[in-house]
Amino acid sequence: MSLELAVVAALFAGVVIYAVFGGADFGSGFFDLTAGGSRRGAELRTLVDHSLGPVWEANHVWLIYVLVMFWTGFPTAFAATMSTLFVPMVLALLGIVLRGASFAFRKYAATLGQARLFGAVFASSSVLTPFFLGCAAGAIASGRVPASGQGDLFASWLTPASLFGGLIAVGTCAFLAGSFLLADADRAGRPALAETLRTRTLAVGVVTGAVVFAALLPLRSDAPTLFAGLSGRALPLIVVSAVAGLATLALVHRRRYAVARGTAVAAVAAVVLGWGAGQYPWLLVDELTIVEAAGAAATLQGLLVVVALAGVIVVPALTYLLWLTQTEAWTQH
């Protein structure tokens, strides 16, 4: 494996991890948003607070990792991306900031009105942030980020491929969050809440699957390079994702929530990997390849050293945190 491919593989590993853990984090906002009124939705919102509380900040470590790897290892592509996709990226960043602040403030709201306001900001930001990130990914995948100069600030991402990318991102995050919350509710001994989440998760999964199929037709004409890759070298990964998604629906239907969480993770990881394989060897589709976009060899070598150190220092700590939040003792606490 060449140096450039090693670095982009490390970068994309961060994308996959953020899509899984950050995706489940964002998707919880959908269930918060649709929980109902203050009294009817209280139990579900309490579960969301309990599930996210220990990990919602830790999940963004992967976003920082991805951005640092991107701008350091592939500065030309990073500059082009941020210049052209300034609008959706800023809106996504605003959503992350508002989401985090409102999530924290809701716990200390002095009145019910304040709690409702902060809750609404948290839930809506949780839905809008993955939408804009999905739009940005769609713009890159459809070849609308020019390697030199700045592309159109709006036309670059207000396209069928980008808008479908945003909708799929929202649906995928919600489906993933549903599988995580279901397992938490079941482990905490809350069967009524688990049944409510089960119905909504199944509905989200079916709708998201329908959106994915609906996106195939515009994707073929709007992002032909990506479509060719998805129907070629990336097809096995797409099949794995589809099978894992269907398995998750079946497991949720049969109330096998702990196993369903694993298949949901597999479905999301496979589809993100399929996206990467589908647009290979392009970093900016039809504009800049991975090799062309790579920085100096010394910089890439330094990044790989940092990745190795992070694997030794950061990953064990995050793994322990996730394990701690999933133990029976923690749930009872």
C-alpha atoms as a PDB file:
ATOM      1  CA  MET A   1       0.000   0.000   0.000  1.00  0.00           C
ATOM      2  CA  SER A   2       1.363   3.408  -0.946  1.00  0.00           C
ATOM      3  CA  LEU A   3       1.846   6.173   1.593  1.00  0.00           C
ATOM      4  CA  GLU A   4      -1.054   8.185   0.160  1.00  0.00           C
ATOM      5  CA  LEU A   5      -3.442   5.228   0.340  1.00  0.00           C
ATOM      6  CA  ALA A   6      -2.374   4.443   3.909  1.00  0.00           C
ATOM      7  CA  VAL A   7      -3.208   7.991   4.995  1.00  0.00           C
ATOM      8  CA  VAL A   8      -6.537   8.112   3.167  1.00  0.00           C
ATOM      9  CA  ALA A   9      -7.422   4.721   4.651  1.00  0.00           C
ATOM     10  CA  ALA A  10      -6.715   6.104   8.141  1.00  0.00           C
ATOM     11  CA  LEU A  11      -8.782   9.184   7.313  1.00  0.00           C
ATOM     12  CA  PHE A  12     -11.697   7.132   6.031  1.00  0.00           C
ATOM     13  CA  ALA A  13     -11.580   4.870   9.068  1.00  0.00           C
ATOM     14  CA  GLY A  14     -12.371   8.005  11.065  1.00  0.00           C
ATOM     15  CA  VAL A  15     -15.263   8.779   8.712  1.00  0.00           C
ATOM     16  CA  VAL A  16     -16.720   5.298   9.268  1.00  0.00           C
ATOM     17  CA  ILE A  17     -16.377   5.500  13.064  1.00  0.00           C
ATOM     18  CA  TYR A  18     -17.916   8.975  13.154  1.00  0.00           C
ATOM     19  CA  ALA A  19     -20.765   7.821  10.921  1.00  0.00           C
ATOM     20  CA  VAL A  20     -21.533   5.000  13.359  1.00  0.00           C
ATOM     21  CA  PHE A  21     -21.112   6.657  16.755  1.00  0.00           C
ATOM     22  CA  GLY A  22     -21.768  10.249  15.747  1.00  0.00           C
ATOM     23  CA  GLY A  23     -24.645   9.018  13.599  1.00  0.00           C
ATOM     24  CA  ALA A  24     -26.297   7.267  16.538  1.00  0.00           C
ATOM     25  CA  ASP A  25     -25.687  10.439  18.542  1.00  0.00           C
ATOM     26  CA  PHE A  26     -27.378  12.685  15.962  1.00  0.00           C
ATOM     27  CA  GLY A  27     -30.166  10.222  15.272  1.00  0.00           C
ATOM     28  CA  SER A  28     -31.312  10.313  18.884  1.00  0.00           C
ATOM     29  CA  GLY A  29     -32.479  13.861  18.200  1.00  0.00           C
ATOM     30  CA  PHE A  30     -35.090  12.495  15.796  1.00  0.00           C
ATOM     31  CA  PHE A  31     -36.641  10.395  18.551  1.00  0.00           C
ATOM     32  CA  ASP A  32     -36.433  13.341  20.941  1.00  0.00           C
ATOM     33  CA  LEU A  33     -38.178  15.500  18.329  1.00  0.00           C
ATOM     34  CA  THR A  34     -40.984  12.972  17.817  1.00  0.00           C
ATOM     35  CA  ALA A  35     -41.328  11.916  21.466  1.00  0.00           C
ATOM     36  CA  GLY A  36     -44.494  13.938  22.019  1.00  0.00           C
ATOM     37  CA  GLY A  37     -45.467  16.502  24.647  1.00  0.00           C
ATOM     38  CA  SER A  38     -43.684  17.183  27.907  1.00  0.00           C
ATOM     39  CA  ARG A  39     -45.520  14.456  29.826  1.00  0.00           C
ATOM     40  CA  ARG A  40     -45.951  11.837  27.103  1.00  0.00           C
ATOM     41  CA  GLY A  41     -42.365  12.143  25.865  1.00  0.00           C
ATOM     42  CA  ALA A  42     -40.668  12.453  29.245  1.00  0.00           C
ATOM     43  CA  GLU A  43     -39.607   8.799  29.508  1.00  0.00           C
ATOM     44  CA  LEU A  44     -38.114   8.711  26.021  1.00  0.00           C
ATOM     45  CA  ARG A  45     -36.294  12.017  26.505  1.00  0.00           C
ATOM     46  CA  THR A  46     -34.900  10.753  29.811  1.00  0.00           C
ATOM     47  CA  LEU A  47     -33.573   7.682  27.995  1.00  0.00           C
ATOM     48  CA  VAL A  48     -31.968   9.902  25.325  1.00  0.00           C
ATOM     49  CA  ASP A  49     -30.313  12.033  28.023  1.00  0.00           C
ATOM     50  CA  HIS A  50     -29.088   8.936  29.841  1.00  0.00           C
ATOM     51  CA  SER A  51     -27.742   7.281  26.677  1.00  0.00           C
ATOM     52  CA  LEU A  52     -26.011  10.379  25.299  1.00  0.00           C
ATOM     53  CA  GLY A  53     -24.817  11.989  28.498  1.00  0.00           C
ATOM     54  CA  PRO A  54     -21.482  10.172  28.876  1.00  0.00           C
ATOM     55  CA  VAL A  55     -20.525  10.021  25.178  1.00  0.00           C
ATOM     56  CA  TRP A  56     -21.972  12.920  23.155  1.00  0.00           C
ATOM     57  CA  GLU A  57     -18.804  15.022  23.416  1.00  0.00           C
ATOM     58  CA  ALA A  58     -16.462  12.063  22.993  1.00  0.00           C
ATOM     59  CA  ASN A  59     -18.071  11.155  19.678  1.00  0.00           C
ATOM     60  CA  HIS A  60     -16.894  14.433  18.122  1.00  0.00           C
ATOM     61  CA  VAL A  61     -13.279  13.392  18.647  1.00  0.00           C
ATOM     62  CA  TRP A  62     -13.677  11.522  15.359  1.00  0.00           C
ATOM     63  CA  LEU A  63     -14.905  14.597  13.506  1.00  0.00           C
ATOM     64  CA  ILE A  64     -11.864  16.537  14.684  1.00  0.00           C
ATOM     65  CA  TYR A  65      -9.662  13.621  13.688  1.00  0.00           C
ATOM     66  CA  VAL A  66     -11.154  13.531  10.181  1.00  0.00           C
ATOM     67  CA  LEU A  67     -10.814  17.280   9.628  1.00  0.00           C
ATOM     68  CA  VAL A  68      -7.204  17.378  10.845  1.00  0.00           C
ATOM     69  CA  MET A  69      -6.251  14.396   8.687  1.00  0.00           C
ATOM     70  CA  PHE A  70      -7.990  15.968   5.696  1.00  0.00           C
ATOM     71  CA  TRP A  71      -6.439  19.426   5.834  1.00  0.00           C
ATOM     72  CA  THR A  72      -2.970  18.178   6.814  1.00  0.00           C
ATOM     73  CA  GLY A  73      -2.712  15.234   4.457  1.00  0.00           C
ATOM     74  CA  PHE A  74      -4.647  16.613   1.496  1.00  0.00           C
ATOM     75  CA  PRO A  75      -4.526  20.417   1.776  1.00  0.00           C
ATOM     76  CA  THR A  76      -5.509  21.192  -1.826  1.00  0.00           C
ATOM     77  CA  ALA A  77      -8.644  19.067  -1.637  1.00  0.00           C
ATOM     78  CA  PHE A  78      -9.478  20.435   1.805  1.00  0.00           C
ATOM     79  CA  ALA A  79      -9.212  24.048   0.616  1.00  0.00           C
ATOM     80  CA  ALA A  80     -11.390  23.337  -2.417  1.00  0.00           C
ATOM     81  CA  THR A  81     -13.991  21.526  -0.328  1.00  0.00           C
ATOM     82  CA  MET A  82     -14.281  24.173   2.363  1.00  0.00           C
ATOM     83  CA  SER A  83     -14.345  27.015  -0.162  1.00  0.00           C
ATOM     84  CA  THR A  84     -17.090  25.517  -2.304  1.00  0.00           C
ATOM     85  CA  LEU A  85     -19.124  23.869   0.465  1.00  0.00           C
ATOM     86  CA  PHE A  86     -18.785  26.733   2.899  1.00  0.00           C
ATOM     87  CA  VAL A  87     -22.545  27.105   3.382  1.00  0.00           C
ATOM     88  CA  PRO A  88     -23.517  23.508   4.311  1.00  0.00           C
ATOM     89  CA  MET A  89     -20.361  23.038   6.389  1.00  0.00           C
ATOM     90  CA  VAL A  90     -20.993  26.215   8.397  1.00  0.00           C
ATOM     91  CA  LEU A  91     -24.638  25.232   8.887  1.00  0.00           C
ATOM     92  CA  ALA A  92     -23.529  21.780  10.067  1.00  0.00           C
ATOM     93  CA  LEU A  93     -21.012  23.364  12.456  1.00  0.00           C
ATOM     94  CA  LEU A  94     -23.677  25.729  13.769  1.00  0.00           C
ATOM     95  CA  GLY A  95     -25.935  22.746  14.326  1.00  0.00           C
ATOM     96  CA  ILE A  96     -23.243  20.911  16.284  1.00  0.00           C
ATOM     97  CA  VAL A  97     -22.640  23.939  18.531  1.00  0.00           C
ATOM     98  CA  LEU A  98     -26.331  24.660  19.126  1.00  0.00           C
ATOM     99  CA  ARG A  99     -27.048  20.993  19.672  1.00  0.00           C
ATOM    100  CA  GLY A 100     -24.357  20.556  22.306  1.00  0.00           C
ATOM    101  CA  ALA A 101     -25.189  23.762  24.151  1.00  0.00           C
ATOM    102  CA  SER A 102     -28.930  23.106  24.231  1.00  0.00           C
ATOM    103  CA  PHE A 103     -28.412  19.483  25.315  1.00  0.00           C
ATOM    104  CA  ALA A 104     -26.426  20.709  28.321  1.00  0.00           C
ATOM    105  CA  PHE A 105     -28.690  23.671  29.125  1.00  0.00           C
ATOM    106  CA  ARG A 106     -31.873  21.597  29.025  1.00  0.00           C
ATOM    107  CA  LYS A 107     -30.790  19.716  32.126  1.00  0.00           C
ATOM    108  CA  TYR A 108     -30.462  22.947  34.100  1.00  0.00           C
ATOM    109  CA  ALA A 109     -33.454  24.855  32.725  1.00  0.00           C
ATOM    110  CA  ALA A 110     -35.173  26.920  35.398  1.00  0.00           C
ATOM    111  CA  THR A 111     -38.651  26.625  33.873  1.00  0.00           C
ATOM    112  CA  LEU A 112     -40.598  24.194  31.744  1.00  0.00           C
ATOM    113  CA  GLY A 113     -40.660  26.760  28.925  1.00  0.00           C
ATOM    114  CA  GLN A 114     -36.882  26.981  28.901  1.00  0.00           C
ATOM    115  CA  ALA A 115     -36.594  23.191  28.895  1.00  0.00           C
ATOM    116  CA  ARG A 116     -38.936  23.016  25.919  1.00  0.00           C
ATOM    117  CA  LEU A 117     -36.961  25.674  24.049  1.00  0.00           C
ATOM    118  CA  PHE A 118     -33.620  23.981  24.631  1.00  0.00           C
ATOM    119  CA  GLY A 119     -35.148  20.612  23.776  1.00  0.00           C
ATOM    120  CA  ALA A 120     -36.507  21.932  20.492  1.00  0.00           C
ATOM    121  CA  VAL A 121     -33.116  23.404  19.560  1.00  0.00           C
ATOM    122  CA  PHE A 122     -31.363  20.155  20.471  1.00  0.00           C
ATOM    123  CA  ALA A 123     -33.762  17.977  18.486  1.00  0.00           C
ATOM    124  CA  SER A 124     -33.957  20.160  15.373  1.00  0.00           C
ATOM    125  CA  SER A 125     -30.173  20.673  15.297  1.00  0.00           C
ATOM    126  CA  SER A 126     -29.682  16.916  15.610  1.00  0.00           C
ATOM    127  CA  VAL A 127     -31.717  16.416  12.436  1.00  0.00           C
ATOM    128  CA  LEU A 128     -30.359  19.351  10.406  1.00  0.00           C
ATOM    129  CA  THR A 129     -26.661  18.674  11.093  1.00  0.00           C
ATOM    130  CA  PRO A 130     -26.486  15.226   9.421  1.00  0.00           C
ATOM    131  CA  PHE A 131     -28.645  16.598   6.601  1.00  0.00           C
ATOM    132  CA  PHE A 132     -26.089  19.289   5.736  1.00  0.00           C
ATOM    133  CA  LEU A 133     -23.165  16.889   6.185  1.00  0.00           C
ATOM    134  CA  GLY A 134     -24.921  14.485   3.798  1.00  0.00           C
ATOM    135  CA  CYS A 135     -25.446  17.310   1.312  1.00  0.00           C
ATOM    136  CA  ALA A 136     -21.727  18.117   1.441  1.00  0.00           C
ATOM    137  CA  ALA A 137     -20.826  14.468   0.859  1.00  0.00           C
ATOM    138  CA  GLY A 138     -23.238  14.360  -2.086  1.00  0.00           C
ATOM    139  CA  ALA A 139     -21.619  17.418  -3.641  1.00  0.00           C
ATOM    140  CA  ILE A 140     -18.175  15.799  -3.447  1.00  0.00           C
ATOM    141  CA  ALA A 141     -19.482  12.488  -4.769  1.00  0.00           C
ATOM    142  CA  SER A 142     -21.224  14.126  -7.733  1.00  0.00           C
ATOM    143  CA  GLY A 143     -18.086  15.990  -8.830  1.00  0.00           C
ATOM    144  CA  ARG A 144     -19.254  19.497  -8.021  1.00  0.00           C
ATOM    145  CA  VAL A 145     -16.228  20.573  -6.008  1.00  0.00           C
ATOM    146  CA  PRO A 146     -13.636  21.976  -8.454  1.00  0.00           C
ATOM    147  CA  ALA A 147      -9.992  21.324  -7.639  1.00  0.00           C
ATOM    148  CA  SER A 148      -8.988  24.908  -8.464  1.00  0.00           C
ATOM    149  CA  GLY A 149     -11.020  27.950  -7.617  1.00  0.00           C
ATOM    150  CA  GLN A 150     -14.305  28.158  -5.783  1.00  0.00           C
ATOM    151  CA  GLY A 151     -17.419  26.396  -6.994  1.00  0.00           C
ATOM    152  CA  ASP A 152     -20.902  27.829  -6.722  1.00  0.00           C
ATOM    153  CA  LEU A 153     -21.789  28.277  -3.040  1.00  0.00           C
ATOM    154  CA  PHE A 154     -25.346  27.013  -3.544  1.00  0.00           C
ATOM    155  CA  ALA A 155     -25.637  25.196  -6.870  1.00  0.00           C
ATOM    156  CA  SER A 156     -22.804  22.870  -5.816  1.00  0.00           C
ATOM    157  CA  TRP A 157     -24.923  21.192  -3.119  1.00  0.00           C
ATOM    158  CA  LEU A 158     -28.544  22.011  -3.973  1.00  0.00           C
ATOM    159  CA  THR A 159     -28.697  19.103  -6.404  1.00  0.00           C
ATOM    160  CA  PRO A 160     -30.548  15.761  -6.472  1.00  0.00           C
ATOM    161  CA  ALA A 161     -27.471  13.783  -5.380  1.00  0.00           C
ATOM    162  CA  SER A 162     -26.759  16.142  -2.479  1.00  0.00           C
ATOM    163  CA  LEU A 163     -30.343  16.458  -1.280  1.00  0.00           C
ATOM    164  CA  PHE A 164     -30.858  12.701  -1.397  1.00  0.00           C
ATOM    165  CA  GLY A 165     -27.529  12.358   0.418  1.00  0.00           C
ATOM    166  CA  GLY A 166     -28.836  14.616   3.162  1.00  0.00           C
ATOM    167  CA  LEU A 167     -32.113  12.722   3.492  1.00  0.00           C
ATOM    168  CA  ILE A 168     -30.327   9.367   3.564  1.00  0.00           C
ATOM    169  CA  ALA A 169     -27.939  10.663   6.232  1.00  0.00           C
ATOM    170  CA  VAL A 170     -30.853  11.755   8.438  1.00  0.00           C
ATOM    171  CA  GLY A 171     -32.703   8.458   7.963  1.00  0.00           C
ATOM    172  CA  THR A 172     -29.604   6.356   8.534  1.00  0.00           C
ATOM    173  CA  CYS A 173     -28.719   8.232  11.728  1.00  0.00           C
ATOM    174  CA  ALA A 174     -32.258   7.844  13.055  1.00  0.00           C
ATOM    175  CA  PHE A 175     -32.359   4.125  12.233  1.00  0.00           C
ATOM    176  CA  LEU A 176     -29.007   3.566  13.914  1.00  0.00           C
ATOM    177  CA  ALA A 177     -30.046   5.585  16.973  1.00  0.00           C
ATOM    178  CA  GLY A 178     -33.263   3.605  17.211  1.00  0.00           C
ATOM    179  CA  SER A 179     -31.351   0.338  17.405  1.00  0.00           C
ATOM    180  CA  PHE A 180     -29.081   1.729  20.154  1.00  0.00           C
ATOM    181  CA  LEU A 181     -31.953   3.207  22.171  1.00  0.00           C
ATOM    182  CA  LEU A 182     -33.963  -0.005  21.848  1.00  0.00           C
ATOM    183  CA  ALA A 183     -31.137  -2.020  23.365  1.00  0.00           C
ATOM    184  CA  ASP A 184     -30.801   0.509  26.200  1.00  0.00           C
ATOM    185  CA  ALA A 185     -34.553   0.514  26.920  1.00  0.00           C
ATOM    186  CA  ASP A 186     -34.703  -3.283  26.888  1.00  0.00           C
ATOM    187  CA  ARG A 187     -31.690  -3.620  29.177  1.00  0.00           C
ATOM    188  CA  ALA A 188     -33.171  -1.060  31.569  1.00  0.00           C
ATOM    189  CA  GLY A 189     -36.381  -3.091  31.851  1.00  0.00           C
ATOM    190  CA  ARG A 190     -38.717  -0.615  30.132  1.00  0.00           C
ATOM    191  CA  PRO A 191     -40.883  -2.800  27.864  1.00  0.00           C
ATOM    192  CA  ALA A 192     -43.507  -0.137  27.068  1.00  0.00           C
ATOM    193  CA  LEU A 193     -40.845   2.332  25.967  1.00  0.00           C
ATOM    194  CA  ALA A 194     -39.106  -0.392  23.967  1.00  0.00           C
ATOM    195  CA  GLU A 195     -42.370  -1.113  22.124  1.00  0.00           C
ATOM    196  CA  THR A 196     -42.785   2.562  21.241  1.00  0.00           C
ATOM    197  CA  LEU A 197     -39.224   2.752  19.954  1.00  0.00           C
ATOM    198  CA  ARG A 198     -39.640  -0.536  18.102  1.00  0.00           C
ATOM    199  CA  THR A 199     -42.557   0.775  16.058  1.00  0.00           C
ATOM    200  CA  ARG A 200     -40.784   4.025  15.203  1.00  0.00           C
ATOM    201  CA  THR A 201     -37.495   2.325  14.369  1.00  0.00           C
ATOM    202  CA  LEU A 202     -39.197  -0.089  11.984  1.00  0.00           C
ATOM    203  CA  ALA A 203     -40.988   2.827  10.299  1.00  0.00           C
ATOM    204  CA  VAL A 204     -37.744   4.802   9.970  1.00  0.00           C
ATOM    205  CA  GLY A 205     -35.951   1.776   8.519  1.00  0.00           C
ATOM    206  CA  VAL A 206     -38.624   1.179   5.882  1.00  0.00           C
ATOM    207  CA  VAL A 207     -38.791   4.863   4.887  1.00  0.00           C
ATOM    208  CA  THR A 208     -35.006   5.163   4.700  1.00  0.00           C
ATOM    209  CA  GLY A 209     -34.796   2.064   2.523  1.00  0.00           C
ATOM    210  CA  ALA A 210     -37.412   3.538   0.195  1.00  0.00           C
ATOM    211  CA  VAL A 211     -35.453   6.801  -0.034  1.00  0.00           C
ATOM    212  CA  VAL A 212     -32.261   4.895  -0.884  1.00  0.00           C
ATOM    213  CA  PHE A 213     -33.994   3.083  -3.749  1.00  0.00           C
ATOM    214  CA  ALA A 214     -35.599   6.322  -4.929  1.00  0.00           C
ATOM    215  CA  ALA A 215     -32.147   7.942  -5.022  1.00  0.00           C
ATOM    216  CA  LEU A 216     -30.734   5.402  -7.481  1.00  0.00           C
ATOM    217  CA  LEU A 217     -32.353   6.967 -10.546  1.00  0.00           C
ATOM    218  CA  PRO A 218     -31.207  10.580 -10.007  1.00  0.00           C
ATOM    219  CA  LEU A 219     -27.821   9.324  -8.788  1.00  0.00           C
ATOM    220  CA  ARG A 220     -27.226   7.585 -12.102  1.00  0.00           C
ATOM    221  CA  SER A 221     -27.595  10.818 -14.061  1.00  0.00           C
ATOM    222  CA  ASP A 222     -26.386  13.305 -11.426  1.00  0.00           C
ATOM    223  CA  ALA A 223     -23.314  11.389 -10.193  1.00  0.00           C
ATOM    224  CA  PRO A 224     -22.373   8.925 -12.969  1.00  0.00           C
ATOM    225  CA  THR A 225     -18.826   8.287 -11.736  1.00  0.00           C
ATOM    226  CA  LEU A 226     -20.021   7.358  -8.267  1.00  0.00           C
ATOM    227  CA  PHE A 227     -22.893   5.285  -9.665  1.00  0.00           C
ATOM    228  CA  ALA A 228     -20.464   3.325 -11.836  1.00  0.00           C
ATOM    229  CA  GLY A 229     -18.289   2.626  -8.801  1.00  0.00           C
ATOM    230  CA  LEU A 230     -21.241   1.615  -6.624  1.00  0.00           C
ATOM    231  CA  SER A 231     -22.510  -0.791  -9.269  1.00  0.00           C
ATOM    232  CA  GLY A 232     -18.979  -2.117  -9.862  1.00  0.00           C
ATOM    233  CA  ARG A 233     -16.192  -2.507  -7.324  1.00  0.00           C
ATOM    234  CA  ALA A 234     -18.319  -1.340  -4.373  1.00  0.00           C
ATOM    235  CA  LEU A 235     -21.289  -3.590  -5.143  1.00  0.00           C
ATOM    236  CA  PRO A 236     -20.336  -6.317  -2.601  1.00  0.00           C
ATOM    237  CA  LEU A 237     -20.281  -3.717   0.176  1.00  0.00           C
ATOM    238  CA  ILE A 238     -23.636  -2.322  -0.915  1.00  0.00           C
ATOM    239  CA  VAL A 239     -25.091  -5.840  -0.875  1.00  0.00           C
ATOM    240  CA  VAL A 240     -23.673  -6.406   2.622  1.00  0.00           C
ATOM    241  CA  SER A 241     -25.246  -3.146   3.767  1.00  0.00           C
ATOM    242  CA  ALA A 242     -28.637  -4.074   2.301  1.00  0.00           C
ATOM    243  CA  VAL A 243     -28.557  -7.546   3.869  1.00  0.00           C
ATOM    244  CA  ALA A 244     -27.482  -6.142   7.247  1.00  0.00           C
ATOM    245  CA  GLY A 245     -30.220  -3.505   7.068  1.00  0.00           C
ATOM    246  CA  LEU A 246     -32.896  -6.104   6.315  1.00  0.00           C
ATOM    247  CA  ALA A 247     -31.517  -8.310   9.083  1.00  0.00           C
ATOM    248  CA  THR A 248     -31.788  -5.383  11.491  1.00  0.00           C
ATOM    249  CA  LEU A 249     -35.432  -4.845  10.569  1.00  0.00           C
ATOM    250  CA  ALA A 250     -36.140  -8.542  11.084  1.00  0.00           C
ATOM    251  CA  LEU A 251     -34.326  -8.621  14.424  1.00  0.00           C
ATOM    252  CA  VAL A 252     -36.103  -5.516  15.676  1.00  0.00           C
ATOM    253  CA  HIS A 253     -39.420  -7.021  14.578  1.00  0.00           C
ATOM    254  CA  ARG A 254     -38.575 -10.160  16.575  1.00  0.00           C
ATOM    255  CA  ARG A 255     -37.398  -8.030  19.542  1.00  0.00           C
ATOM    256  CA  ARG A 256     -33.780  -9.232  19.339  1.00  0.00           C
ATOM    257  CA  TYR A 257     -32.518  -5.771  20.189  1.00  0.00           C
ATOM    258  CA  ALA A 258     -28.969  -6.536  21.320  1.00  0.00           C
ATOM    259  CA  VAL A 259     -28.175  -8.378  18.091  1.00  0.00           C
ATOM    260  CA  ALA A 260     -29.999  -5.777  15.988  1.00  0.00           C
ATOM    261  CA  ARG A 261     -27.664  -3.099  17.228  1.00  0.00           C
ATOM    262  CA  GLY A 262     -24.698  -5.008  15.805  1.00  0.00           C
ATOM    263  CA  THR A 263     -26.298  -5.535  12.403  1.00  0.00           C
ATOM    264  CA  ALA A 264     -27.307  -1.854  12.263  1.00  0.00           C
ATOM    265  CA  VAL A 265     -23.690  -0.858  12.849  1.00  0.00           C
ATOM    266  CA  ALA A 266     -22.620  -3.280  10.113  1.00  0.00           C
ATOM    267  CA  ALA A 267     -25.172  -1.813   7.685  1.00  0.00           C
ATOM    268  CA  VAL A 268     -23.993   1.773   8.230  1.00  0.00           C
ATOM    269  CA  ALA A 269     -20.286   0.888   8.162  1.00  0.00           C
ATOM    270  CA  ALA A 270     -20.728  -1.100   4.937  1.00  0.00           C
ATOM    271  CA  VAL A 271     -22.589   1.666   3.112  1.00  0.00           C
ATOM    272  CA  VAL A 272     -19.995   4.291   4.103  1.00  0.00           C
ATOM    273  CA  LEU A 273     -17.191   1.985   3.004  1.00  0.00           C
ATOM    274  CA  GLY A 274     -19.122   1.414  -0.211  1.00  0.00           C
ATOM    275  CA  TRP A 275     -19.198   5.163  -0.812  1.00  0.00           C
ATOM    276  CA  GLY A 276     -15.417   5.315  -0.397  1.00  0.00           C
ATOM    277  CA  ALA A 277     -14.818   2.327  -2.651  1.00  0.00           C
ATOM    278  CA  GLY A 278     -17.291   3.664  -5.201  1.00  0.00           C
ATOM    279  CA  GLN A 279     -15.487   6.941  -5.739  1.00  0.00           C
ATOM    280  CA  TYR A 280     -11.950   5.480  -5.599  1.00  0.00           C
ATOM    281  CA  PRO A 281      -9.405   6.658  -6.777  1.00  0.00           C
ATOM    282  CA  TRP A 282     -10.945  10.124  -6.609  1.00  0.00           C
ATOM    283  CA  LEU A 283     -10.757  12.286  -3.523  1.00  0.00           C
ATOM    284  CA  LEU A 284     -12.754  14.995  -5.288  1.00  0.00           C
ATOM    285  CA  VAL A 285     -14.721  13.051  -7.879  1.00  0.00           C
ATOM    286  CA  ASP A 286     -13.714  13.806 -11.495  1.00  0.00           C
ATOM    287  CA  GLU A 287     -11.385  16.555 -10.238  1.00  0.00           C
ATOM    288  CA  LEU A 288      -8.586  15.322  -7.994  1.00  0.00           C
ATOM    289  CA  THR A 289      -7.283  11.825  -7.260  1.00  0.00           C
ATOM    290  CA  ILE A 290      -5.923  10.710  -3.916  1.00  0.00           C
ATOM    291  CA  VAL A 291      -2.341  10.730  -5.202  1.00  0.00           C
ATOM    292  CA  GLU A 292      -2.709  14.162  -6.808  1.00  0.00           C
ATOM    293  CA  ALA A 293      -4.202  15.679  -3.659  1.00  0.00           C
ATOM    294  CA  ALA A 294      -1.667  14.242  -1.199  1.00  0.00           C
ATOM    295  CA  GLY A 295       0.714  16.516   0.667  1.00  0.00           C
ATOM    296  CA  ALA A 296       4.448  16.086   1.156  1.00  0.00           C
ATOM    297  CA  ALA A 297       5.741  12.606   1.974  1.00  0.00           C
ATOM    298  CA  ALA A 298       7.208  13.785   5.286  1.00  0.00           C
ATOM    299  CA  THR A 299       3.820  15.161   6.311  1.00  0.00           C
ATOM    300  CA  LEU A 300       2.054  11.924   5.432  1.00  0.00           C
ATOM    301  CA  GLN A 301       4.605   9.915   7.398  1.00  0.00           C
ATOM    302  CA  GLY A 302       4.130  12.182  10.400  1.00  0.00           C
ATOM    303  CA  LEU A 303       0.367  11.720  10.194  1.00  0.00           C
ATOM    304  CA  LEU A 304       0.702   7.950  10.267  1.00  0.00           C
ATOM    305  CA  VAL A 305       2.872   8.231  13.391  1.00  0.00           C
ATOM    306  CA  VAL A 306       0.189  10.388  15.023  1.00  0.00           C
ATOM    307  CA  VAL A 307      -2.500   7.892  14.019  1.00  0.00           C
ATOM    308  CA  ALA A 308      -0.511   5.090  15.644  1.00  0.00           C
ATOM    309  CA  LEU A 309      -0.100   7.108  18.843  1.00  0.00           C
ATOM    310  CA  ALA A 310      -3.799   7.962  18.874  1.00  0.00           C
ATOM    311  CA  GLY A 311      -4.610   4.278  18.474  1.00  0.00           C
ATOM    312  CA  VAL A 312      -2.564   3.504  21.589  1.00  0.00           C
ATOM    313  CA  ILE A 313      -3.653   6.471  23.727  1.00  0.00           C
ATOM    314  CA  VAL A 314      -7.164   7.522  22.661  1.00  0.00           C
ATOM    315  CA  VAL A 315      -8.891   4.382  21.376  1.00  0.00           C
ATOM    316  CA  PRO A 316      -8.535   2.337  24.614  1.00  0.00           C
ATOM    317  CA  ALA A 317      -9.943   5.223  26.667  1.00  0.00           C
ATOM    318  CA  LEU A 318     -12.940   5.683  24.353  1.00  0.00           C
ATOM    319  CA  THR A 319     -13.504   1.922  24.253  1.00  0.00           C
ATOM    320  CA  TYR A 320     -13.535   1.767  28.027  1.00  0.00           C
ATOM    321  CA  LEU A 321     -15.970   4.684  28.198  1.00  0.00           C
ATOM    322  CA  LEU A 322     -18.362   2.960  25.765  1.00  0.00           C
ATOM    323  CA  TRP A 323     -18.060  -0.324  27.654  1.00  0.00           C
ATOM    324  CA  LEU A 324     -18.725   1.432  30.959  1.00  0.00           C
ATOM    325  CA  THR A 325     -21.921   3.056  29.662  1.00  0.00           C
ATOM    326  CA  GLN A 326     -23.235  -0.310  28.473  1.00  0.00           C
ATOM    327  CA  THR A 327     -22.719  -2.332  31.666  1.00  0.00           C
ATOM    328  CA  GLU A 328     -25.638  -3.467  33.737  1.00  0.00           C
ATOM    329  CA  ALA A 329     -24.308  -1.572  36.751  1.00  0.00           C
ATOM    330  CA  TRP A 330     -24.318   1.678  34.812  1.00  0.00           C
ATOM    331  CA  THR A 331     -27.836   1.084  33.526  1.00  0.00           C
ATOM    332  CA  GLN A 332     -29.135   0.455  37.036  1.00  0.00           C
ATOM    333  CA  HIS A 333     -27.298   3.528  38.281  1.00  0.00           C
END
